[in-house]
Amino acid sequence: AFDSFDDLYRCYAVIETLAQQDNIGGILRVKDRFNPKHVPFGYRDLMINMYCPDSKIVAEIQLHHRLFYQYKKISHDMYKKARLFEEK
């Protein structure tokens, strides 16, 4: 977990730069849940789905801020329960 948002986004920039190199793979999706449009709970992270180097295996990288990470488990449990009531 990161102590500052500057460090967290700096880490993302490094990952993004490395992912643009041919031998690394590539970023498939990024969810910045620190600036969400529709996340009703307090859990926040920056989630990156990308290919592992030189393969088609997809990995998920989660970058956390220390302030939110301590509540990850309880927030995720609430999120799972709330999804049961969402309209499809």
C-alpha atoms as a PDB file:
ATOM      1  CA  ALA A   1       0.000   0.000   0.000  1.00  0.00           C
ATOM      2  CA  PHE A   2       1.144   3.510  -0.799  1.00  0.00           C
ATOM      3  CA  ASP A   3       1.280   6.364   1.700  1.00  0.00           C
ATOM      4  CA  SER A   4       0.637   9.022  -0.943  1.00  0.00           C
ATOM      5  CA  PHE A   5      -1.417   9.305  -4.118  1.00  0.00           C
ATOM      6  CA  ASP A   6       1.605  10.830  -5.871  1.00  0.00           C
ATOM      7  CA  ASP A   7       3.583   7.633  -5.285  1.00  0.00           C
ATOM      8  CA  LEU A   8       0.648   5.439  -6.272  1.00  0.00           C
ATOM      9  CA  TYR A   9       0.088   7.219  -9.607  1.00  0.00           C
ATOM     10  CA  ARG A  10       3.847   7.357 -10.200  1.00  0.00           C
ATOM     11  CA  CYS A  11       3.896   3.564  -9.851  1.00  0.00           C
ATOM     12  CA  TYR A  12       1.050   3.301 -12.362  1.00  0.00           C
ATOM     13  CA  ALA A  13       3.002   5.495 -14.792  1.00  0.00           C
ATOM     14  CA  VAL A  14       5.978   3.118 -14.525  1.00  0.00           C
ATOM     15  CA  ILE A  15       3.736   0.093 -15.144  1.00  0.00           C
ATOM     16  CA  GLU A  16       2.137   1.849 -18.119  1.00  0.00           C
ATOM     17  CA  THR A  17       5.539   2.723 -19.604  1.00  0.00           C
ATOM     18  CA  LEU A  18       6.820  -0.834 -19.196  1.00  0.00           C
ATOM     19  CA  ALA A  19       3.617  -2.292 -20.646  1.00  0.00           C
ATOM     20  CA  GLN A  20       4.110  -0.268 -23.838  1.00  0.00           C
ATOM     21  CA  GLN A  21       7.348  -2.116 -24.542  1.00  0.00           C
ATOM     22  CA  ASP A  22       6.864  -4.964 -27.012  1.00  0.00           C
ATOM     23  CA  ASN A  23       8.279  -7.692 -24.780  1.00  0.00           C
ATOM     24  CA  ILE A  24       6.123  -6.884 -21.744  1.00  0.00           C
ATOM     25  CA  GLY A  25       2.623  -7.419 -23.118  1.00  0.00           C
ATOM     26  CA  GLY A  26       0.084  -4.705 -22.684  1.00  0.00           C
ATOM     27  CA  ILE A  27      -2.545  -3.122 -20.488  1.00  0.00           C
ATOM     28  CA  LEU A  28      -6.035  -4.390 -21.229  1.00  0.00           C
ATOM     29  CA  ARG A  29      -8.084  -2.346 -18.751  1.00  0.00           C
ATOM     30  CA  VAL A  30      -7.627   0.183 -15.966  1.00  0.00           C
ATOM     31  CA  LYS A  31     -10.220   0.985 -13.302  1.00  0.00           C
ATOM     32  CA  ASP A  32      -9.395   4.045 -11.241  1.00  0.00           C
ATOM     33  CA  ARG A  33     -11.684   3.523  -8.283  1.00  0.00           C
ATOM     34  CA  PHE A  34     -10.211   6.509  -6.481  1.00  0.00           C
ATOM     35  CA  ASN A  35     -12.305   8.676  -8.821  1.00  0.00           C
ATOM     36  CA  PRO A  36     -15.381   6.491  -9.278  1.00  0.00           C
ATOM     37  CA  LYS A  37     -18.643   7.450 -10.916  1.00  0.00           C
ATOM     38  CA  HIS A  38     -20.774   4.681  -9.447  1.00  0.00           C
ATOM     39  CA  VAL A  39     -19.024   3.070  -6.464  1.00  0.00           C
ATOM     40  CA  PRO A  40     -21.278   3.555  -3.443  1.00  0.00           C
ATOM     41  CA  PHE A  41     -18.886   2.244  -0.783  1.00  0.00           C
ATOM     42  CA  GLY A  42     -15.626   3.460   0.706  1.00  0.00           C
ATOM     43  CA  TYR A  43     -13.359   0.861  -0.920  1.00  0.00           C
ATOM     44  CA  ARG A  44     -10.958   2.382  -3.418  1.00  0.00           C
ATOM     45  CA  ASP A  45      -8.042   1.150  -5.520  1.00  0.00           C
ATOM     46  CA  LEU A  46      -6.495   1.422  -8.947  1.00  0.00           C
ATOM     47  CA  MET A  47      -6.920  -1.907 -10.733  1.00  0.00           C
ATOM     48  CA  ILE A  48      -4.910  -2.856 -13.815  1.00  0.00           C
ATOM     49  CA  ASN A  49      -5.510  -5.902 -16.024  1.00  0.00           C
ATOM     50  CA  MET A  50      -2.550  -6.643 -18.257  1.00  0.00           C
ATOM     51  CA  TYR A  51      -0.784  -9.418 -20.082  1.00  0.00           C
ATOM     52  CA  CYS A  52       2.126 -11.065 -18.334  1.00  0.00           C
ATOM     53  CA  PRO A  53       5.407 -10.589 -20.206  1.00  0.00           C
ATOM     54  CA  ASP A  54       5.688 -12.628 -23.399  1.00  0.00           C
ATOM     55  CA  SER A  55       2.422 -14.498 -22.838  1.00  0.00           C
ATOM     56  CA  LYS A  56      -1.341 -14.272 -23.145  1.00  0.00           C
ATOM     57  CA  ILE A  57      -1.835 -14.812 -19.403  1.00  0.00           C
ATOM     58  CA  VAL A  58      -3.805 -11.945 -17.903  1.00  0.00           C
ATOM     59  CA  ALA A  59      -2.776 -10.615 -14.491  1.00  0.00           C
ATOM     60  CA  GLU A  60      -4.585  -8.182 -12.198  1.00  0.00           C
ATOM     61  CA  ILE A  61      -2.535  -5.592 -10.341  1.00  0.00           C
ATOM     62  CA  GLN A  62      -4.175  -3.612  -7.560  1.00  0.00           C
ATOM     63  CA  LEU A  63      -2.575  -0.414  -6.300  1.00  0.00           C
ATOM     64  CA  HIS A  64      -3.829   0.584  -2.858  1.00  0.00           C
ATOM     65  CA  HIS A  65      -3.563   3.684  -0.721  1.00  0.00           C
ATOM     66  CA  ARG A  66      -2.909   2.814   2.912  1.00  0.00           C
ATOM     67  CA  LEU A  67      -5.945   4.828   4.104  1.00  0.00           C
ATOM     68  CA  PHE A  68      -8.340   2.624   2.118  1.00  0.00           C
ATOM     69  CA  TYR A  69      -6.470  -0.676   2.265  1.00  0.00           C
ATOM     70  CA  GLN A  70      -7.197  -1.206   5.949  1.00  0.00           C
ATOM     71  CA  TYR A  71     -10.918  -1.369   5.067  1.00  0.00           C
ATOM     72  CA  LYS A  72     -10.578  -3.581   1.991  1.00  0.00           C
ATOM     73  CA  LYS A  73     -12.117  -6.760   3.437  1.00  0.00           C
ATOM     74  CA  ILE A  74     -15.160  -5.185   5.066  1.00  0.00           C
ATOM     75  CA  SER A  75     -15.815  -2.913   2.065  1.00  0.00           C
ATOM     76  CA  HIS A  76     -15.628  -5.848  -0.332  1.00  0.00           C
ATOM     77  CA  ASP A  77     -18.051  -7.868   1.800  1.00  0.00           C
ATOM     78  CA  MET A  78     -20.536  -4.967   1.748  1.00  0.00           C
ATOM     79  CA  TYR A  79     -20.066  -4.590  -2.018  1.00  0.00           C
ATOM     80  CA  LYS A  80     -20.855  -8.278  -2.629  1.00  0.00           C
ATOM     81  CA  LYS A  81     -24.050  -8.027  -0.572  1.00  0.00           C
ATOM     82  CA  ALA A  82     -25.166  -4.809  -2.277  1.00  0.00           C
ATOM     83  CA  ARG A  83     -24.730  -6.395  -5.716  1.00  0.00           C
ATOM     84  CA  LEU A  84     -27.417  -8.898  -4.820  1.00  0.00           C
ATOM     85  CA  PHE A  85     -29.933  -6.040  -4.933  1.00  0.00           C
ATOM     86  CA  GLU A  86     -28.753  -4.337  -8.142  1.00  0.00           C
ATOM     87  CA  GLU A  87     -31.051  -4.300 -11.126  1.00  0.00           C
ATOM     88  CA  LYS A  88     -29.773  -6.260 -14.067  1.00  0.00           C
END
